[in-house]
Amino acid sequence: MDTRDILTRVSQLPIKQWSYKSQDPSIEHIGPMAQDFWNSFHVGDDSLSISTIDPAGIALAAIQELAKQVNALKEENQSLRTQVQTLMAATQKSSIEQSGR
């Protein structure tokens, strides 16, 4: 399972506000249309409904991918901070040496 691909598909999935025809129009729901969900993931029985389990599994896979990306960005951020500190120290040292001449 490619969690990066799942995250991409989740981010492109249209999310809408809607009401069931059988309910009072004042009762609203938020989520993807079954056809859009089916076209994006091809899971479940058909394109007419969304099971209760599939969105949870897809959401968890997307969350796992987000966690991987956040961790990678944290590592990159720490590396860049270290580089900046090293460069600032070298610049400060060079500035002190030049002012002492």
PDB file of N, CA and C in Angstrom:
ATOM      1  N   MET A   1       0.847  -1.176   0.000  1.00  0.00           N
ATOM      2  CA  MET A   1       0.000   0.000   0.000  1.00  0.00           C
ATOM      3  C   MET A   1       0.891   1.237   0.000  1.00  0.00           C
ATOM      4  N   ASP A   2       0.609   2.141  -0.906  1.00  0.00           N
ATOM      5  CA  ASP A   2       1.390   3.364  -1.059  1.00  0.00           C
ATOM      6  C   ASP A   2       0.687   4.500  -0.317  1.00  0.00           C
ATOM      7  N   THR A   3       1.143   4.775   0.913  1.00  0.00           N
ATOM      8  CA  THR A   3       0.479   5.797   1.723  1.00  0.00           C
ATOM      9  C   THR A   3       0.630   7.197   1.129  1.00  0.00           C
ATOM     10  N   ARG A   4       1.705   7.428   0.401  1.00  0.00           N
ATOM     11  CA  ARG A   4       1.878   8.736  -0.250  1.00  0.00           C
ATOM     12  C   ARG A   4       0.800   8.936  -1.316  1.00  0.00           C
ATOM     13  N   ASP A   5       0.540   7.887  -2.081  1.00  0.00           N
ATOM     14  CA  ASP A   5      -0.506   7.949  -3.104  1.00  0.00           C
ATOM     15  C   ASP A   5      -1.883   8.128  -2.458  1.00  0.00           C
ATOM     16  N   ILE A   6      -2.117   7.420  -1.360  1.00  0.00           N
ATOM     17  CA  ILE A   6      -3.396   7.562  -0.659  1.00  0.00           C
ATOM     18  C   ILE A   6      -3.568   8.993  -0.173  1.00  0.00           C
ATOM     19  N   LEU A   7      -2.527   9.570   0.408  1.00  0.00           N
ATOM     20  CA  LEU A   7      -2.608  10.954   0.882  1.00  0.00           C
ATOM     21  C   LEU A   7      -2.906  11.908  -0.275  1.00  0.00           C
ATOM     22  N   THR A   8      -2.263  11.699  -1.401  1.00  0.00           N
ATOM     23  CA  THR A   8      -2.518  12.540  -2.571  1.00  0.00           C
ATOM     24  C   THR A   8      -3.974  12.437  -2.995  1.00  0.00           C
ATOM     25  N   ARG A   9      -4.486  11.210  -3.040  1.00  0.00           N
ATOM     26  CA  ARG A   9      -5.887  11.025  -3.441  1.00  0.00           C
ATOM     27  C   ARG A   9      -6.849  11.623  -2.417  1.00  0.00           C
ATOM     28  N   VAL A  10      -6.528  11.496  -1.124  1.00  0.00           N
ATOM     29  CA  VAL A  10      -7.373  12.106  -0.085  1.00  0.00           C
ATOM     30  C   VAL A  10      -7.390  13.622  -0.263  1.00  0.00           C
ATOM     31  N   SER A  11      -6.232  14.212  -0.531  1.00  0.00           N
ATOM     32  CA  SER A  11      -6.166  15.674  -0.660  1.00  0.00           C
ATOM     33  C   SER A  11      -6.933  16.178  -1.878  1.00  0.00           C
ATOM     34  N   GLN A  12      -7.142  15.323  -2.863  1.00  0.00           N
ATOM     35  CA  GLN A  12      -7.867  15.717  -4.072  1.00  0.00           C
ATOM     36  C   GLN A  12      -9.346  15.333  -4.023  1.00  0.00           C
ATOM     37  N   LEU A  13      -9.750  14.612  -2.996  1.00  0.00           N
ATOM     38  CA  LEU A  13     -11.131  14.132  -2.890  1.00  0.00           C
ATOM     39  C   LEU A  13     -12.064  15.289  -2.546  1.00  0.00           C
ATOM     40  N   PRO A  14     -13.061  15.553  -3.386  1.00  0.00           N
ATOM     41  CA  PRO A  14     -14.001  16.626  -3.053  1.00  0.00           C
ATOM     42  C   PRO A  14     -14.792  16.282  -1.786  1.00  0.00           C
ATOM     43  N   ILE A  15     -14.860  17.220  -0.875  1.00  0.00           N
ATOM     44  CA  ILE A  15     -15.645  17.067   0.353  1.00  0.00           C
ATOM     45  C   ILE A  15     -16.779  18.083   0.262  1.00  0.00           C
ATOM     46  N   LYS A  16     -17.997  17.595   0.437  1.00  0.00           N
ATOM     47  CA  LYS A  16     -19.158  18.461   0.249  1.00  0.00           C
ATOM     48  C   LYS A  16     -20.079  18.411   1.455  1.00  0.00           C
ATOM     49  N   GLN A  17     -20.934  19.400   1.529  1.00  0.00           N
ATOM     50  CA  GLN A  17     -21.992  19.427   2.533  1.00  0.00           C
ATOM     51  C   GLN A  17     -23.262  18.988   1.811  1.00  0.00           C
ATOM     52  N   TRP A  18     -23.976  18.035   2.398  1.00  0.00           N
ATOM     53  CA  TRP A  18     -25.131  17.464   1.708  1.00  0.00           C
ATOM     54  C   TRP A  18     -26.169  16.961   2.706  1.00  0.00           C
ATOM     55  N   SER A  19     -27.347  16.641   2.164  1.00  0.00           N
ATOM     56  CA  SER A  19     -28.438  16.071   2.964  1.00  0.00           C
ATOM     57  C   SER A  19     -28.973  14.840   2.251  1.00  0.00           C
ATOM     58  N   TYR A  20     -29.407  13.852   3.019  1.00  0.00           N
ATOM     59  CA  TYR A  20     -30.089  12.700   2.433  1.00  0.00           C
ATOM     60  C   TYR A  20     -31.460  13.144   1.942  1.00  0.00           C
ATOM     61  N   LYS A  21     -31.888  12.602   0.815  1.00  0.00           N
ATOM     62  CA  LYS A  21     -33.211  12.937   0.288  1.00  0.00           C
ATOM     63  C   LYS A  21     -34.313  12.535   1.262  1.00  0.00           C
ATOM     64  N   SER A  22     -34.068  11.485   2.023  1.00  0.00           N
ATOM     65  CA  SER A  22     -35.085  10.974   2.950  1.00  0.00           C
ATOM     66  C   SER A  22     -35.138  11.754   4.270  1.00  0.00           C
ATOM     67  N   GLN A  23     -34.190  12.652   4.482  1.00  0.00           N
ATOM     68  CA  GLN A  23     -34.153  13.432   5.719  1.00  0.00           C
ATOM     69  C   GLN A  23     -34.616  14.860   5.470  1.00  0.00           C
ATOM     70  N   ASP A  24     -34.959  15.513   6.544  1.00  0.00           N
ATOM     71  CA  ASP A  24     -35.296  16.930   6.478  1.00  0.00           C
ATOM     72  C   ASP A  24     -34.073  17.679   5.943  1.00  0.00           C
ATOM     73  N   PRO A  25     -34.261  18.615   5.018  1.00  0.00           N
ATOM     74  CA  PRO A  25     -33.122  19.352   4.445  1.00  0.00           C
ATOM     75  C   PRO A  25     -32.284  20.115   5.471  1.00  0.00           C
ATOM     76  N   SER A  26     -32.839  20.359   6.641  1.00  0.00           N
ATOM     77  CA  SER A  26     -32.064  21.060   7.666  1.00  0.00           C
ATOM     78  C   SER A  26     -31.004  20.159   8.301  1.00  0.00           C
ATOM     79  N   ILE A  27     -31.125  18.842   8.084  1.00  0.00           N
ATOM     80  CA  ILE A  27     -30.132  17.891   8.599  1.00  0.00           C
ATOM     81  C   ILE A  27     -29.045  17.751   7.539  1.00  0.00           C
ATOM     82  N   GLU A  28     -27.856  18.226   7.865  1.00  0.00           N
ATOM     83  CA  GLU A  28     -26.770  18.218   6.891  1.00  0.00           C
ATOM     84  C   GLU A  28     -25.635  17.298   7.325  1.00  0.00           C
ATOM     85  N   HIS A  29     -24.919  16.829   6.340  1.00  0.00           N
ATOM     86  CA  HIS A  29     -23.760  15.961   6.547  1.00  0.00           C
ATOM     87  C   HIS A  29     -22.597  16.547   5.755  1.00  0.00           C
ATOM     88  N   ILE A  30     -21.396  16.163   6.130  1.00  0.00           N
ATOM     89  CA  ILE A  30     -20.201  16.593   5.405  1.00  0.00           C
ATOM     90  C   ILE A  30     -19.385  15.351   5.073  1.00  0.00           C
ATOM     91  N   GLY A  31     -18.968  15.257   3.834  1.00  0.00           N
ATOM     92  CA  GLY A  31     -18.143  14.131   3.429  1.00  0.00           C
ATOM     93  C   GLY A  31     -18.090  14.019   1.921  1.00  0.00           C
ATOM     94  N   PRO A  32     -17.365  13.018   1.439  1.00  0.00           N
ATOM     95  CA  PRO A  32     -17.275  12.819  -0.003  1.00  0.00           C
ATOM     96  C   PRO A  32     -18.543  12.153  -0.535  1.00  0.00           C
ATOM     97  N   MET A  33     -18.806  12.356  -1.793  1.00  0.00           N
ATOM     98  CA  MET A  33     -19.878  11.629  -2.467  1.00  0.00           C
ATOM     99  C   MET A  33     -19.367  10.212  -2.735  1.00  0.00           C
ATOM    100  N   ALA A  34     -20.261   9.260  -2.675  1.00  0.00           N
ATOM    101  CA  ALA A  34     -19.876   7.856  -2.853  1.00  0.00           C
ATOM    102  C   ALA A  34     -19.175   7.633  -4.194  1.00  0.00           C
ATOM    103  N   GLN A  35     -19.651   8.283  -5.240  1.00  0.00           N
ATOM    104  CA  GLN A  35     -19.050   8.111  -6.563  1.00  0.00           C
ATOM    105  C   GLN A  35     -17.617   8.648  -6.583  1.00  0.00           C
ATOM    106  N   ASP A  36     -17.399   9.799  -5.956  1.00  0.00           N
ATOM    107  CA  ASP A  36     -16.041  10.356  -5.896  1.00  0.00           C
ATOM    108  C   ASP A  36     -15.119   9.451  -5.092  1.00  0.00           C
ATOM    109  N   PHE A  37     -15.636   8.932  -3.976  1.00  0.00           N
ATOM    110  CA  PHE A  37     -14.853   8.034  -3.127  1.00  0.00           C
ATOM    111  C   PHE A  37     -14.473   6.778  -3.908  1.00  0.00           C
ATOM    112  N   TRP A  38     -15.433   6.208  -4.613  1.00  0.00           N
ATOM    113  CA  TRP A  38     -15.191   5.004  -5.417  1.00  0.00           C
ATOM    114  C   TRP A  38     -14.159   5.293  -6.506  1.00  0.00           C
ATOM    115  N   ASN A  39     -14.322   6.415  -7.203  1.00  0.00           N
ATOM    116  CA  ASN A  39     -13.384   6.756  -8.278  1.00  0.00           C
ATOM    117  C   ASN A  39     -11.964   6.966  -7.754  1.00  0.00           C
ATOM    118  N   SER A  40     -11.846   7.443  -6.537  1.00  0.00           N
ATOM    119  CA  SER A  40     -10.520   7.690  -5.961  1.00  0.00           C
ATOM    120  C   SER A  40      -9.858   6.429  -5.421  1.00  0.00           C
ATOM    121  N   PHE A  41     -10.656   5.537  -4.808  1.00  0.00           N
ATOM    122  CA  PHE A  41     -10.056   4.424  -4.066  1.00  0.00           C
ATOM    123  C   PHE A  41     -10.478   3.028  -4.513  1.00  0.00           C
ATOM    124  N   HIS A  42     -11.590   2.887  -5.194  1.00  0.00           N
ATOM    125  CA  HIS A  42     -12.087   1.581  -5.651  1.00  0.00           C
ATOM    126  C   HIS A  42     -12.123   0.550  -4.528  1.00  0.00           C
ATOM    127  N   VAL A  43     -12.654   0.946  -3.384  1.00  0.00           N
ATOM    128  CA  VAL A  43     -12.855   0.020  -2.268  1.00  0.00           C
ATOM    129  C   VAL A  43     -14.338   0.000  -1.915  1.00  0.00           C
ATOM    130  N   GLY A  44     -14.759  -1.085  -1.321  1.00  0.00           N
ATOM    131  CA  GLY A  44     -16.166  -1.228  -0.974  1.00  0.00           C
ATOM    132  C   GLY A  44     -16.908  -2.012  -2.040  1.00  0.00           C
ATOM    133  N   ASP A  45     -18.217  -2.083  -1.869  1.00  0.00           N
ATOM    134  CA  ASP A  45     -19.042  -2.893  -2.766  1.00  0.00           C
ATOM    135  C   ASP A  45     -19.279  -2.251  -4.128  1.00  0.00           C
ATOM    136  N   ASP A  46     -19.511  -0.947  -4.140  1.00  0.00           N
ATOM    137  CA  ASP A  46     -19.858  -0.272  -5.389  1.00  0.00           C
ATOM    138  C   ASP A  46     -19.695   1.236  -5.218  1.00  0.00           C
ATOM    139  N   SER A  47     -20.119   1.968  -6.230  1.00  0.00           N
ATOM    140  CA  SER A  47     -19.981   3.426  -6.201  1.00  0.00           C
ATOM    141  C   SER A  47     -21.227   4.124  -5.661  1.00  0.00           C
ATOM    142  N   LEU A  48     -22.142   3.355  -5.084  1.00  0.00           N
ATOM    143  CA  LEU A  48     -23.397   3.940  -4.612  1.00  0.00           C
ATOM    144  C   LEU A  48     -23.416   4.219  -3.121  1.00  0.00           C
ATOM    145  N   SER A  49     -22.459   3.653  -2.403  1.00  0.00           N
ATOM    146  CA  SER A  49     -22.409   3.883  -0.956  1.00  0.00           C
ATOM    147  C   SER A  49     -20.965   3.779  -0.476  1.00  0.00           C
ATOM    148  N   ILE A  50     -20.737   4.295   0.718  1.00  0.00           N
ATOM    149  CA  ILE A  50     -19.418   4.216   1.348  1.00  0.00           C
ATOM    150  C   ILE A  50     -19.592   3.423   2.635  1.00  0.00           C
ATOM    151  N   SER A  51     -18.800   2.381   2.798  1.00  0.00           N
ATOM    152  CA  SER A  51     -18.883   1.583   4.025  1.00  0.00           C
ATOM    153  C   SER A  51     -18.383   2.404   5.210  1.00  0.00           C
ATOM    154  N   THR A  52     -18.620   1.914   6.386  1.00  0.00           N
ATOM    155  CA  THR A  52     -18.131   2.630   7.570  1.00  0.00           C
ATOM    156  C   THR A  52     -16.655   2.356   7.832  1.00  0.00           C
ATOM    157  N   ILE A  53     -16.118   1.266   7.314  1.00  0.00           N
ATOM    158  CA  ILE A  53     -14.738   0.889   7.617  1.00  0.00           C
ATOM    159  C   ILE A  53     -13.728   1.499   6.638  1.00  0.00           C
ATOM    160  N   ASP A  54     -14.066   1.601   5.365  1.00  0.00           N
ATOM    161  CA  ASP A  54     -13.093   2.053   4.368  1.00  0.00           C
ATOM    162  C   ASP A  54     -12.592   3.481   4.590  1.00  0.00           C
ATOM    163  N   PRO A  55     -13.462   4.441   4.878  1.00  0.00           N
ATOM    164  CA  PRO A  55     -12.937   5.791   5.120  1.00  0.00           C
ATOM    165  C   PRO A  55     -11.983   5.845   6.311  1.00  0.00           C
ATOM    166  N   ALA A  56     -12.258   5.036   7.324  1.00  0.00           N
ATOM    167  CA  ALA A  56     -11.372   5.022   8.497  1.00  0.00           C
ATOM    168  C   ALA A  56      -9.993   4.491   8.115  1.00  0.00           C
ATOM    169  N   GLY A  57      -9.949   3.411   7.368  1.00  0.00           N
ATOM    170  CA  GLY A  57      -8.666   2.847   6.948  1.00  0.00           C
ATOM    171  C   GLY A  57      -7.890   3.791   6.058  1.00  0.00           C
ATOM    172  N   ILE A  58      -8.591   4.435   5.149  1.00  0.00           N
ATOM    173  CA  ILE A  58      -7.943   5.393   4.256  1.00  0.00           C
ATOM    174  C   ILE A  58      -7.440   6.594   5.049  1.00  0.00           C
ATOM    175  N   ALA A  59      -8.253   7.074   5.981  1.00  0.00           N
ATOM    176  CA  ALA A  59      -7.829   8.211   6.814  1.00  0.00           C
ATOM    177  C   ALA A  59      -6.601   7.845   7.641  1.00  0.00           C
ATOM    178  N   LEU A  60      -6.572   6.642   8.204  1.00  0.00           N
ATOM    179  CA  LEU A  60      -5.418   6.225   9.004  1.00  0.00           C
ATOM    180  C   LEU A  60      -4.160   6.117   8.147  1.00  0.00           C
ATOM    181  N   ALA A  61      -4.301   5.591   6.927  1.00  0.00           N
ATOM    182  CA  ALA A  61      -3.146   5.506   6.025  1.00  0.00           C
ATOM    183  C   ALA A  61      -2.639   6.908   5.678  1.00  0.00           C
ATOM    184  N   ALA A  62      -3.559   7.832   5.422  1.00  0.00           N
ATOM    185  CA  ALA A  62      -3.164   9.211   5.115  1.00  0.00           C
ATOM    186  C   ALA A  62      -2.492   9.863   6.319  1.00  0.00           C
ATOM    187  N   ILE A  63      -3.011   9.601   7.512  1.00  0.00           N
ATOM    188  CA  ILE A  63      -2.408  10.148   8.736  1.00  0.00           C
ATOM    189  C   ILE A  63      -1.001   9.595   8.927  1.00  0.00           C
ATOM    190  N   GLN A  64      -0.811   8.309   8.662  1.00  0.00           N
ATOM    191  CA  GLN A  64       0.529   7.726   8.773  1.00  0.00           C
ATOM    192  C   GLN A  64       1.497   8.415   7.814  1.00  0.00           C
ATOM    193  N   GLU A  65       1.044   8.682   6.598  1.00  0.00           N
ATOM    194  CA  GLU A  65       1.902   9.371   5.625  1.00  0.00           C
ATOM    195  C   GLU A  65       2.211  10.787   6.093  1.00  0.00           C
ATOM    196  N   LEU A  66       1.210  11.472   6.618  1.00  0.00           N
ATOM    197  CA  LEU A  66       1.454  12.816   7.151  1.00  0.00           C
ATOM    198  C   LEU A  66       2.470  12.777   8.289  1.00  0.00           C
ATOM    199  N   ALA A  67       2.366  11.775   9.155  1.00  0.00           N
ATOM    200  CA  ALA A  67       3.318  11.645  10.267  1.00  0.00           C
ATOM    201  C   ALA A  67       4.734  11.436   9.735  1.00  0.00           C
ATOM    202  N   LYS A  68       4.885  10.603   8.698  1.00  0.00           N
ATOM    203  CA  LYS A  68       6.205  10.395   8.086  1.00  0.00           C
ATOM    204  C   LYS A  68       6.747  11.711   7.539  1.00  0.00           C
ATOM    205  N   GLN A  69       5.887  12.448   6.851  1.00  0.00           N
ATOM    206  CA  GLN A  69       6.321  13.707   6.255  1.00  0.00           C
ATOM    207  C   GLN A  69       6.679  14.734   7.327  1.00  0.00           C
ATOM    208  N   VAL A  70       5.899  14.798   8.393  1.00  0.00           N
ATOM    209  CA  VAL A  70       6.203  15.721   9.494  1.00  0.00           C
ATOM    210  C   VAL A  70       7.544  15.360  10.121  1.00  0.00           C
ATOM    211  N   ASN A  71       7.777  14.077  10.363  1.00  0.00           N
ATOM    212  CA  ASN A  71       9.050  13.651  10.960  1.00  0.00           C
ATOM    213  C   ASN A  71      10.228  13.986  10.050  1.00  0.00           C
ATOM    214  N   ALA A  72      10.059  13.773   8.742  1.00  0.00           N
ATOM    215  CA  ALA A  72      11.129  14.110   7.800  1.00  0.00           C
ATOM    216  C   ALA A  72      11.395  15.615   7.808  1.00  0.00           C
ATOM    217  N   LEU A  73      10.338  16.410   7.868  1.00  0.00           N
ATOM    218  CA  LEU A  73      10.507  17.866   7.916  1.00  0.00           C
ATOM    219  C   LEU A  73      11.160  18.315   9.219  1.00  0.00           C
ATOM    220  N   LYS A  74      10.830  17.655  10.326  1.00  0.00           N
ATOM    221  CA  LYS A  74      11.471  17.978  11.605  1.00  0.00           C
ATOM    222  C   LYS A  74      12.969  17.702  11.534  1.00  0.00           C
ATOM    223  N   GLU A  75      13.333  16.555  10.950  1.00  0.00           N
ATOM    224  CA  GLU A  75      14.750  16.214  10.817  1.00  0.00           C
ATOM    225  C   GLU A  75      15.465  17.225   9.923  1.00  0.00           C
ATOM    226  N   GLU A  76      14.835  17.573   8.805  1.00  0.00           N
ATOM    227  CA  GLU A  76      15.431  18.553   7.897  1.00  0.00           C
ATOM    228  C   GLU A  76      15.558  19.908   8.588  1.00  0.00           C
ATOM    229  N   ASN A  77      14.538  20.295   9.321  1.00  0.00           N
ATOM    230  CA  ASN A  77      14.561  21.565  10.046  1.00  0.00           C
ATOM    231  C   ASN A  77      15.706  21.587  11.054  1.00  0.00           C
ATOM    232  N   GLN A  78      15.891  20.500  11.794  1.00  0.00           N
ATOM    233  CA  GLN A  78      16.972  20.442  12.776  1.00  0.00           C
ATOM    234  C   GLN A  78      18.329  20.525  12.095  1.00  0.00           C
ATOM    235  N   SER A  79      18.467  19.836  10.971  1.00  0.00           N
ATOM    236  CA  SER A  79      19.719  19.891  10.217  1.00  0.00           C
ATOM    237  C   SER A  79      19.996  21.315   9.734  1.00  0.00           C
ATOM    238  N   LEU A  80      18.979  21.976   9.226  1.00  0.00           N
ATOM    239  CA  LEU A  80      19.148  23.352   8.751  1.00  0.00           C
ATOM    240  C   LEU A  80      19.470  24.300   9.902  1.00  0.00           C
ATOM    241  N   ARG A  81      18.850  24.094  11.058  1.00  0.00           N
ATOM    242  CA  ARG A  81      19.152  24.924  12.232  1.00  0.00           C
ATOM    243  C   ARG A  81      20.618  24.766  12.633  1.00  0.00           C
ATOM    244  N   THR A  82      21.096  23.531  12.605  1.00  0.00           N
ATOM    245  CA  THR A  82      22.492  23.263  12.951  1.00  0.00           C
ATOM    246  C   THR A  82      23.422  23.958  11.959  1.00  0.00           C
ATOM    247  N   GLN A  83      23.090  23.878  10.673  1.00  0.00           N
ATOM    248  CA  GLN A  83      23.899  24.543   9.651  1.00  0.00           C
ATOM    249  C   GLN A  83      23.907  26.058   9.855  1.00  0.00           C
ATOM    250  N   VAL A  84      22.750  26.625  10.156  1.00  0.00           N
ATOM    251  CA  VAL A  84      22.662  28.072  10.384  1.00  0.00           C
ATOM    252  C   VAL A  84      23.509  28.466  11.587  1.00  0.00           C
ATOM    253  N   GLN A  85      23.420  27.697  12.666  1.00  0.00           N
ATOM    254  CA  GLN A  85      24.213  28.000  13.862  1.00  0.00           C
ATOM    255  C   GLN A  85      25.707  27.933  13.554  1.00  0.00           C
ATOM    256  N   THR A  86      26.112  26.933  12.794  1.00  0.00           N
ATOM    257  CA  THR A  86      27.517  26.790  12.409  1.00  0.00           C
ATOM    258  C   THR A  86      27.964  27.980  11.567  1.00  0.00           C
ATOM    259  N   LEU A  87      27.147  28.360  10.603  1.00  0.00           N
ATOM    260  CA  LEU A  87      27.483  29.507   9.752  1.00  0.00           C
ATOM    261  C   LEU A  87      27.514  30.812  10.542  1.00  0.00           C
ATOM    262  N   MET A  88      26.575  30.979  11.462  1.00  0.00           N
ATOM    263  CA  MET A  88      26.562  32.191  12.285  1.00  0.00           C
ATOM    264  C   MET A  88      27.805  32.263  13.166  1.00  0.00           C
ATOM    265  N   ALA A  89      28.201  31.131  13.728  1.00  0.00           N
ATOM    266  CA  ALA A  89      29.400  31.107  14.567  1.00  0.00           C
ATOM    267  C   ALA A  89      30.636  31.428  13.734  1.00  0.00           C
ATOM    268  N   ALA A  90      30.719  30.856  12.530  1.00  0.00           N
ATOM    269  CA  ALA A  90      31.862  31.125  11.658  1.00  0.00           C
ATOM    270  C   ALA A  90      31.881  32.588  11.231  1.00  0.00           C
ATOM    271  N   THR A  91      30.734  33.148  10.937  1.00  0.00           N
ATOM    272  CA  THR A  91      30.640  34.559  10.544  1.00  0.00           C
ATOM    273  C   THR A  91      31.056  35.460  11.695  1.00  0.00           C
ATOM    274  N   GLN A  92      30.576  35.138  12.877  1.00  0.00           N
ATOM    275  CA  GLN A  92      30.916  35.941  14.056  1.00  0.00           C
ATOM    276  C   GLN A  92      32.421  35.860  14.332  1.00  0.00           C
ATOM    277  N   LYS A  93      32.985  34.672  14.222  1.00  0.00           N
ATOM    278  CA  LYS A  93      34.424  34.496  14.457  1.00  0.00           C
ATOM    279  C   LYS A  93      35.227  35.291  13.438  1.00  0.00           C
ATOM    280  N   SER A  94      34.807  35.220  12.176  1.00  0.00           N
ATOM    281  CA  SER A  94      35.495  35.954  11.116  1.00  0.00           C
ATOM    282  C   SER A  94      35.390  37.459  11.341  1.00  0.00           C
ATOM    283  N   SER A  95      34.227  37.912  11.771  1.00  0.00           N
ATOM    284  CA  SER A  95      34.013  39.339  12.040  1.00  0.00           C
ATOM    285  C   SER A  95      34.901  39.813  13.189  1.00  0.00           C
ATOM    286  N   ILE A  96      35.014  38.999  14.229  1.00  0.00           N
ATOM    287  CA  ILE A  96      35.863  39.348  15.383  1.00  0.00           C
ATOM    288  C   ILE A  96      37.325  39.396  14.963  1.00  0.00           C
ATOM    289  N   GLU A  97      37.743  38.415  14.154  1.00  0.00           N
ATOM    290  CA  GLU A  97      39.132  38.381  13.698  1.00  0.00           C
ATOM    291  C   GLU A  97      39.458  39.599  12.840  1.00  0.00           C
ATOM    292  N   GLN A  98      38.525  40.001  11.982  1.00  0.00           N
ATOM    293  CA  GLN A  98      38.773  41.153  11.110  1.00  0.00           C
ATOM    294  C   GLN A  98      38.761  42.459  11.890  1.00  0.00           C
ATOM    295  N   SER A  99      37.951  42.567  12.903  1.00  0.00           N
ATOM    296  CA  SER A  99      37.912  43.809  13.686  1.00  0.00           C
ATOM    297  C   SER A  99      39.135  43.923  14.586  1.00  0.00           C
ATOM    298  N   GLY A 100      39.799  42.830  14.869  1.00  0.00           N
ATOM    299  CA  GLY A 100      40.991  42.840  15.705  1.00  0.00           C
ATOM    300  C   GLY A 100      42.239  43.212  14.940  1.00  0.00           C
ATOM    301  N   ARG A 101      42.173  43.352  13.660  1.00  0.00           N
ATOM    302  CA  ARG A 101      43.355  43.677  12.847  1.00  0.00           C
ATOM    303  C   ARG A 101      43.674  45.117  12.878  1.00  0.00           C
TER     304      ARG A 101
END
